[in-house]
Structures are given as structure tokens and as C-alpha cells.
Amino acid sequence: MSKTNSLRCPLCGKGRIADIPSGAEQSQYRLFALHRAEHPDLIAKCPKCGEQIGITVLTPGCSPPDPHAHPLYGICSGIN
């Protein structure tokens, strides 16, 4: 099995939210306390504090998506 790194809860700092490949940069993932207005790629629950954590996977070289943008535009596909 290959080595992995852990993403920790941004609220309590103790709970392991997810594992990422050892070659992946932690800056590719944005973890945040989940609020209704946000649309994460994934949702996890912290095993330590019990809070719901949103996870957005950022594509290298792209900015985070604009939540007010049209769903077909603003996607980093090289044609923006």
C-alpha cells in the first residue's frame, strides 16, 4: 500500500477527514465548515468534533469556482 497524508479538520485540528496520496499537495484541497450557501465537491463529518466539513478539490492553475457563475462556465477546461 502506498503512503498517504491526512487532511485534518479545519475546526478542531484533530479529526482525520480524508487521506490523500503522498504526492498530492494539501493546497489542492480546501476544507471548510459547511454552510448551506456553499457547494463542496465532498462532505465529510469530523470523527472528533462531529461538525460537517466541506471539501473542494482545486485543479492546479485554476481559481476556485465562482458560486454565482453559470454551471457551464467558469470551469477550468483550458477554453475559458
N, C-alpha and C. Protein backbone atom coordinates (compact mmCIF):
# COMPACT_ATOMS: atom_id res chain seq x y z
N MET A 1 0.85 -1.18 0.00
CA MET A 1 0.00 0.00 0.00
C MET A 1 0.90 1.24 0.00
N SER A 2 0.53 2.23 -0.79
CA SER A 2 1.34 3.44 -0.88
C SER A 2 1.08 4.35 0.31
N LYS A 3 2.04 5.19 0.61
CA LYS A 3 1.93 6.12 1.73
C LYS A 3 0.93 7.23 1.40
N THR A 4 0.20 7.66 2.41
CA THR A 4 -0.77 8.74 2.24
C THR A 4 -0.54 9.81 3.28
N ASN A 5 -1.09 10.98 3.05
CA ASN A 5 -1.11 12.08 4.01
C ASN A 5 -2.55 12.32 4.42
N SER A 6 -2.74 12.83 5.61
CA SER A 6 -4.09 13.05 6.12
C SER A 6 -4.49 14.51 6.04
N LEU A 7 -5.75 14.75 5.70
CA LEU A 7 -6.35 16.08 5.79
C LEU A 7 -7.06 16.13 7.13
N ARG A 8 -6.75 17.13 7.94
CA ARG A 8 -7.32 17.26 9.28
C ARG A 8 -8.47 18.27 9.30
N CYS A 9 -9.33 18.12 10.26
CA CYS A 9 -10.47 19.02 10.43
C CYS A 9 -9.98 20.45 10.60
N PRO A 10 -10.53 21.40 9.82
CA PRO A 10 -10.12 22.80 9.95
C PRO A 10 -10.66 23.46 11.22
N LEU A 11 -11.62 22.83 11.88
CA LEU A 11 -12.21 23.42 13.08
C LEU A 11 -11.48 22.99 14.35
N CYS A 12 -11.33 21.68 14.54
CA CYS A 12 -10.71 21.21 15.77
C CYS A 12 -9.24 20.82 15.57
N GLY A 13 -8.85 20.55 14.31
CA GLY A 13 -7.47 20.19 14.02
C GLY A 13 -7.09 18.78 14.42
N LYS A 14 -8.01 18.02 14.98
CA LYS A 14 -7.70 16.69 15.48
C LYS A 14 -8.25 15.57 14.60
N GLY A 15 -9.45 15.74 14.09
CA GLY A 15 -10.09 14.68 13.33
C GLY A 15 -9.48 14.49 11.95
N ARG A 16 -9.27 13.23 11.55
CA ARG A 16 -8.77 12.92 10.21
C ARG A 16 -9.97 12.86 9.27
N ILE A 17 -10.05 13.81 8.35
CA ILE A 17 -11.19 13.93 7.46
C ILE A 17 -11.04 13.02 6.25
N ALA A 18 -9.85 12.98 5.68
CA ALA A 18 -9.62 12.16 4.49
C ALA A 18 -8.12 11.92 4.33
N ASP A 19 -7.78 10.91 3.54
CA ASP A 19 -6.40 10.65 3.18
C ASP A 19 -6.20 11.03 1.72
N ILE A 20 -5.03 11.60 1.43
CA ILE A 20 -4.68 11.95 0.05
C ILE A 20 -3.36 11.26 -0.30
N PRO A 21 -3.11 11.02 -1.58
CA PRO A 21 -1.86 10.38 -1.98
C PRO A 21 -0.65 11.19 -1.51
N SER A 22 0.44 10.50 -1.23
CA SER A 22 1.63 11.18 -0.69
C SER A 22 2.19 12.21 -1.67
N GLY A 23 1.96 12.06 -2.97
CA GLY A 23 2.46 13.02 -3.95
C GLY A 23 1.56 14.22 -4.14
N ALA A 24 0.38 14.20 -3.56
CA ALA A 24 -0.57 15.30 -3.74
C ALA A 24 -0.25 16.44 -2.78
N GLU A 25 -0.46 17.65 -3.24
CA GLU A 25 -0.25 18.83 -2.40
C GLU A 25 -1.52 19.09 -1.58
N GLN A 26 -1.36 19.37 -0.30
CA GLN A 26 -2.53 19.66 0.52
C GLN A 26 -3.22 20.94 0.09
N SER A 27 -2.50 21.81 -0.63
CA SER A 27 -3.11 23.06 -1.11
C SER A 27 -4.11 22.81 -2.24
N GLN A 28 -4.18 21.58 -2.77
CA GLN A 28 -5.16 21.23 -3.80
C GLN A 28 -6.54 21.03 -3.21
N TYR A 29 -6.64 21.00 -1.89
CA TYR A 29 -7.90 20.72 -1.21
C TYR A 29 -8.22 21.86 -0.27
N ARG A 30 -9.46 22.35 -0.36
CA ARG A 30 -9.93 23.40 0.54
C ARG A 30 -10.95 22.78 1.47
N LEU A 31 -10.66 22.77 2.75
CA LEU A 31 -11.57 22.24 3.76
C LEU A 31 -12.17 23.41 4.52
N PHE A 32 -13.47 23.33 4.78
CA PHE A 32 -14.15 24.44 5.46
C PHE A 32 -15.38 23.93 6.19
N ALA A 33 -15.80 24.69 7.20
CA ALA A 33 -17.04 24.37 7.90
C ALA A 33 -18.19 24.52 6.91
N LEU A 34 -19.03 23.55 6.85
CA LEU A 34 -20.10 23.54 5.85
C LEU A 34 -21.24 24.46 6.25
N HIS A 35 -21.60 25.33 5.31
CA HIS A 35 -22.75 26.22 5.46
C HIS A 35 -23.67 25.96 4.27
N ARG A 36 -24.92 26.27 4.39
CA ARG A 36 -25.90 25.95 3.35
C ARG A 36 -25.61 26.62 2.01
N ALA A 37 -25.01 27.78 2.00
CA ALA A 37 -24.80 28.52 0.75
C ALA A 37 -23.62 27.98 -0.06
N GLU A 38 -22.80 27.13 0.53
CA GLU A 38 -21.62 26.64 -0.16
C GLU A 38 -21.89 25.29 -0.81
N HIS A 39 -21.17 25.01 -1.90
CA HIS A 39 -21.37 23.77 -2.65
C HIS A 39 -20.04 23.04 -2.78
N PRO A 40 -19.70 22.21 -1.79
CA PRO A 40 -18.43 21.49 -1.85
C PRO A 40 -18.51 20.32 -2.82
N ASP A 41 -17.34 19.81 -3.20
CA ASP A 41 -17.28 18.59 -4.02
C ASP A 41 -17.61 17.37 -3.17
N LEU A 42 -17.19 17.40 -1.92
CA LEU A 42 -17.41 16.29 -0.99
C LEU A 42 -17.81 16.84 0.36
N ILE A 43 -18.51 16.02 1.14
CA ILE A 43 -18.87 16.39 2.50
C ILE A 43 -18.44 15.24 3.41
N ALA A 44 -17.79 15.59 4.51
CA ALA A 44 -17.36 14.59 5.49
C ALA A 44 -17.75 15.08 6.88
N LYS A 45 -17.80 14.15 7.81
CA LYS A 45 -18.09 14.51 9.19
C LYS A 45 -16.84 14.24 10.02
N CYS A 46 -16.43 15.22 10.79
CA CYS A 46 -15.24 15.06 11.62
C CYS A 46 -15.52 14.02 12.71
N PRO A 47 -14.66 13.01 12.81
CA PRO A 47 -14.88 11.98 13.84
C PRO A 47 -14.61 12.48 15.26
N LYS A 48 -13.96 13.62 15.42
CA LYS A 48 -13.65 14.14 16.76
C LYS A 48 -14.68 15.16 17.23
N CYS A 49 -14.92 16.21 16.44
CA CYS A 49 -15.85 17.26 16.89
C CYS A 49 -17.27 17.09 16.34
N GLY A 50 -17.45 16.23 15.33
CA GLY A 50 -18.78 15.95 14.81
C GLY A 50 -19.32 16.95 13.81
N GLU A 51 -18.54 17.99 13.48
CA GLU A 51 -19.00 19.00 12.53
C GLU A 51 -18.91 18.48 11.09
N GLN A 52 -19.81 18.99 10.23
CA GLN A 52 -19.74 18.66 8.82
C GLN A 52 -18.70 19.55 8.16
N ILE A 53 -17.84 18.92 7.35
CA ILE A 53 -16.74 19.60 6.69
C ILE A 53 -16.93 19.49 5.18
N GLY A 54 -16.91 20.63 4.49
CA GLY A 54 -16.96 20.64 3.04
C GLY A 54 -15.54 20.54 2.49
N ILE A 55 -15.40 19.80 1.40
CA ILE A 55 -14.11 19.64 0.74
C ILE A 55 -14.27 20.04 -0.72
N THR A 56 -13.45 20.98 -1.15
CA THR A 56 -13.41 21.37 -2.55
C THR A 56 -12.05 20.97 -3.10
N VAL A 57 -12.06 20.26 -4.22
CA VAL A 57 -10.82 19.84 -4.87
C VAL A 57 -10.47 20.90 -5.91
N LEU A 58 -9.33 21.56 -5.71
CA LEU A 58 -8.89 22.63 -6.60
C LEU A 58 -7.98 22.05 -7.68
N THR A 59 -8.23 22.43 -8.93
CA THR A 59 -7.39 22.00 -10.03
C THR A 59 -6.19 22.93 -10.11
N PRO A 60 -4.96 22.39 -10.17
CA PRO A 60 -3.79 23.27 -10.25
C PRO A 60 -3.91 24.24 -11.43
N GLY A 61 -3.60 25.51 -11.17
CA GLY A 61 -3.65 26.52 -12.21
C GLY A 61 -5.02 27.14 -12.40
N CYS A 62 -6.00 26.71 -11.63
CA CYS A 62 -7.36 27.25 -11.74
C CYS A 62 -7.73 27.92 -10.42
N SER A 63 -8.58 28.91 -10.51
CA SER A 63 -9.07 29.53 -9.29
C SER A 63 -10.30 28.77 -8.82
N PRO A 64 -10.65 28.90 -7.54
CA PRO A 64 -11.86 28.24 -7.05
C PRO A 64 -13.08 28.71 -7.84
N PRO A 65 -14.07 27.84 -8.03
CA PRO A 65 -15.24 28.23 -8.81
C PRO A 65 -16.04 29.34 -8.15
N ASP A 66 -16.63 30.18 -8.99
CA ASP A 66 -17.49 31.25 -8.51
C ASP A 66 -18.88 30.65 -8.28
N PRO A 67 -19.40 30.69 -7.04
CA PRO A 67 -20.70 30.08 -6.77
C PRO A 67 -21.85 30.76 -7.50
N HIS A 68 -21.61 31.98 -8.04
CA HIS A 68 -22.67 32.70 -8.75
C HIS A 68 -22.55 32.53 -10.26
N ALA A 69 -21.54 31.82 -10.72
CA ALA A 69 -21.33 31.65 -12.16
C ALA A 69 -22.31 30.63 -12.73
N HIS A 70 -22.54 30.73 -14.00
CA HIS A 70 -23.37 29.75 -14.69
C HIS A 70 -22.68 28.40 -14.61
N PRO A 71 -23.41 27.29 -14.38
CA PRO A 71 -22.77 25.99 -14.19
C PRO A 71 -21.91 25.53 -15.36
N LEU A 72 -22.17 26.01 -16.57
CA LEU A 72 -21.38 25.55 -17.72
C LEU A 72 -20.17 26.43 -17.98
N TYR A 73 -20.08 27.58 -17.30
CA TYR A 73 -18.97 28.49 -17.50
C TYR A 73 -18.14 28.59 -16.23
N GLY A 74 -16.91 28.99 -16.35
CA GLY A 74 -16.07 29.13 -15.18
C GLY A 74 -15.36 27.85 -14.79
N ILE A 75 -15.60 26.78 -15.54
CA ILE A 75 -14.92 25.52 -15.28
C ILE A 75 -13.56 25.58 -15.97
N CYS A 76 -12.52 25.20 -15.26
CA CYS A 76 -11.18 25.28 -15.83
C CYS A 76 -10.99 24.13 -16.82
N SER A 77 -11.20 24.40 -18.08
CA SER A 77 -11.06 23.37 -19.10
C SER A 77 -10.06 23.78 -20.17
N GLY A 78 -9.44 24.93 -19.97
CA GLY A 78 -8.48 25.42 -20.96
C GLY A 78 -9.13 26.24 -22.06
N ILE A 79 -10.47 26.39 -22.04
CA ILE A 79 -11.15 27.15 -23.07
C ILE A 79 -11.78 28.41 -22.52
N ASN A 80 -11.48 28.75 -21.26
CA ASN A 80 -12.08 29.94 -20.63
C ASN A 80 -11.52 31.19 -21.23
